Amino acid sequence: MDALLKKLNYKAGTIVVLNAPPEFRHTAAGWKDEFPLAEAPGNEPASFLLVFAKDAAEVASIVAPASRQLSPTAIFWVAFPKQSSPRYSSDINRDKLWPMMAAMGFSPNRNVAIDDDWSALRFAPAAQDPGRWA
């Protein structure tokens, strides 16, 4: 299994990757050779979702709707540009993403580096809303 998928705690099922930047497509293509991969949400709830958001507007327009299509045991990651990225500048970072996601009913539980340009936060239903995905 790919080292990044291990880091992202992928276990099984379709990998849904939304809004991936062009430089990530090679990585996703490698995953597709080994695991089911989708670049759009399907009719079934997603069990593994990685959403890329370049800015706060994309968190609202892409992440928020996608988060409503998660299975109860989903692994849910939101990737955002690192502040040190030479390729991207952004109005979001880890500390700004937390409250944005909290407003959607999620709390962060892990932070990982994807590459030189992207980090990702894993989210779960917030403690005050444990039945969100039930």
Protein backbone atom coordinates (compact mmCIF):
# COMPACT_ATOMS: atom_id res chain seq x y z
CA MET A 1 0.00 0.00 0.00
CA ASP A 2 1.11 3.53 -0.77
CA ALA A 3 2.85 5.29 2.16
CA LEU A 4 0.48 8.26 1.99
CA LEU A 5 -2.60 6.03 2.13
CA LYS A 6 -1.15 4.35 5.21
CA LYS A 7 -0.56 7.76 6.78
CA LEU A 8 -4.17 8.69 5.96
CA ASN A 9 -5.43 5.50 7.68
CA TYR A 10 -7.05 4.04 4.56
CA LYS A 11 -8.50 0.61 5.33
CA ALA A 12 -10.91 -0.46 2.58
CA GLY A 13 -13.61 0.74 0.22
CA THR A 14 -13.73 3.35 -2.47
CA ILE A 15 -11.33 6.24 -2.11
CA VAL A 16 -13.11 9.49 -2.99
CA VAL A 17 -10.77 12.37 -3.85
CA LEU A 18 -12.39 15.72 -4.61
CA ASN A 19 -10.87 18.84 -6.13
CA ALA A 20 -7.36 17.37 -6.37
CA PRO A 21 -4.73 19.76 -7.71
CA PRO A 22 -3.02 18.80 -10.98
CA GLU A 23 0.20 17.77 -9.23
CA PHE A 24 -1.70 15.24 -7.11
CA ARG A 25 -3.20 13.37 -10.04
CA HIS A 26 -0.12 11.16 -10.44
CA THR A 27 -0.48 10.00 -6.83
CA ALA A 28 -4.20 9.33 -7.28
CA ALA A 29 -3.51 7.42 -10.51
CA GLY A 30 -1.22 5.10 -8.55
CA TRP A 31 -3.99 4.50 -6.02
CA LYS A 32 -6.42 3.69 -8.83
CA ASP A 33 -4.19 0.82 -9.96
CA GLU A 34 -4.63 -0.82 -6.55
CA PHE A 35 -7.93 0.40 -5.05
CA PRO A 36 -11.33 1.68 -6.20
CA LEU A 37 -11.04 5.44 -6.75
CA ALA A 38 -13.69 8.07 -7.50
CA GLU A 39 -13.29 11.75 -8.27
CA ALA A 40 -16.92 12.54 -7.49
CA PRO A 41 -19.23 11.41 -4.71
CA GLY A 42 -21.33 8.41 -5.63
CA ASN A 43 -24.82 7.39 -4.63
CA GLU A 44 -23.54 5.49 -1.61
CA PRO A 45 -22.10 7.21 1.49
CA ALA A 46 -18.32 7.65 1.25
CA SER A 47 -16.13 5.58 3.58
CA PHE A 48 -12.89 7.41 2.72
CA LEU A 49 -12.99 11.03 1.60
CA LEU A 50 -10.07 13.36 0.86
CA VAL A 51 -11.13 16.86 -0.18
CA PHE A 52 -8.66 19.51 -1.33
CA ALA A 53 -9.56 23.13 -0.55
CA LYS A 54 -7.31 25.96 -1.70
CA ASP A 55 -9.17 28.64 0.27
CA ALA A 56 -12.11 29.39 2.54
CA ALA A 57 -14.47 29.69 -0.42
CA GLU A 58 -13.70 26.10 -1.44
CA VAL A 59 -14.26 24.90 2.12
CA ALA A 60 -17.78 26.33 1.88
CA SER A 61 -18.53 25.28 -1.70
CA ILE A 62 -16.86 21.84 -1.87
CA VAL A 63 -16.10 20.53 1.63
CA ALA A 64 -19.45 21.38 3.23
CA PRO A 65 -21.61 19.54 0.65
CA ALA A 66 -19.20 16.58 0.48
CA SER A 67 -19.23 16.17 4.27
CA ARG A 68 -22.94 15.36 4.12
CA GLN A 69 -22.22 12.22 2.06
CA LEU A 70 -20.09 10.38 4.62
CA SER A 71 -20.79 6.95 6.04
CA PRO A 72 -21.03 6.62 9.85
CA THR A 73 -17.48 5.22 10.06
CA ALA A 74 -15.93 7.39 7.35
CA ILE A 75 -12.34 8.52 7.30
CA PHE A 76 -12.62 12.20 6.36
CA TRP A 77 -9.66 14.42 5.44
CA VAL A 78 -9.55 18.04 4.33
CA ALA A 79 -6.32 19.04 2.59
CA PHE A 80 -5.22 22.67 2.54
CA PRO A 81 -2.11 24.52 1.31
CA LYS A 82 0.78 24.76 3.72
CA GLN A 83 1.75 28.28 4.68
CA SER A 84 5.26 27.45 3.44
CA SER A 85 4.03 26.27 0.03
CA PRO A 86 5.96 27.88 -2.82
CA ARG A 87 3.08 27.08 -5.19
CA TYR A 88 -0.01 28.23 -3.27
CA SER A 89 -1.05 31.13 -1.11
CA SER A 90 -4.22 30.69 0.89
CA ASP A 91 -6.51 32.36 3.38
CA ILE A 92 -6.83 29.11 5.37
CA ASN A 93 -4.47 27.14 7.57
CA ARG A 94 -4.90 24.55 10.29
CA ASP A 95 -5.99 27.08 12.91
CA LYS A 96 -8.54 28.74 10.60
CA LEU A 97 -9.89 25.45 9.26
CA TRP A 98 -10.75 24.10 12.73
CA PRO A 99 -13.51 26.64 13.50
CA MET A 100 -14.85 26.46 9.95
CA MET A 101 -15.27 22.70 10.29
CA ALA A 102 -16.59 23.02 13.86
CA ALA A 103 -19.43 25.12 12.45
CA MET A 104 -20.26 22.09 10.24
CA GLY A 105 -20.26 19.75 13.26
CA PHE A 106 -16.72 18.33 13.02
CA SER A 107 -13.66 18.35 15.23
CA PRO A 108 -10.10 17.61 14.10
CA ASN A 109 -8.28 14.56 15.36
CA ARG A 110 -5.10 14.32 13.28
CA ASN A 111 -2.84 16.48 11.11
CA VAL A 112 -0.49 15.08 8.43
CA ALA A 113 1.73 16.40 5.67
CA ILE A 114 0.75 15.24 2.20
CA ASP A 115 3.69 16.79 0.35
CA ASP A 116 5.65 20.05 0.19
CA ASP A 117 2.53 22.03 -0.69
CA TRP A 118 -0.33 20.35 1.17
CA SER A 119 -1.26 19.33 4.71
CA ALA A 120 -4.44 17.55 5.71
CA LEU A 121 -6.60 17.45 8.81
CA ARG A 122 -8.69 14.42 9.66
CA PHE A 123 -12.12 15.24 11.03
CA ALA A 124 -14.70 13.32 13.02
CA PRO A 125 -18.15 14.28 14.27
CA ALA A 126 -17.81 16.79 17.10
CA ALA A 127 -18.28 15.39 20.61
CA GLN A 128 -21.39 17.50 21.11
CA ASP A 129 -22.93 15.87 18.02
CA PRO A 130 -21.85 12.20 18.15
CA GLY A 131 -24.87 11.06 16.15
CA ARG A 132 -24.13 13.31 13.18
CA TRP A 133 -23.46 10.39 10.84
CA ALA A 134 -25.91 7.96 12.38
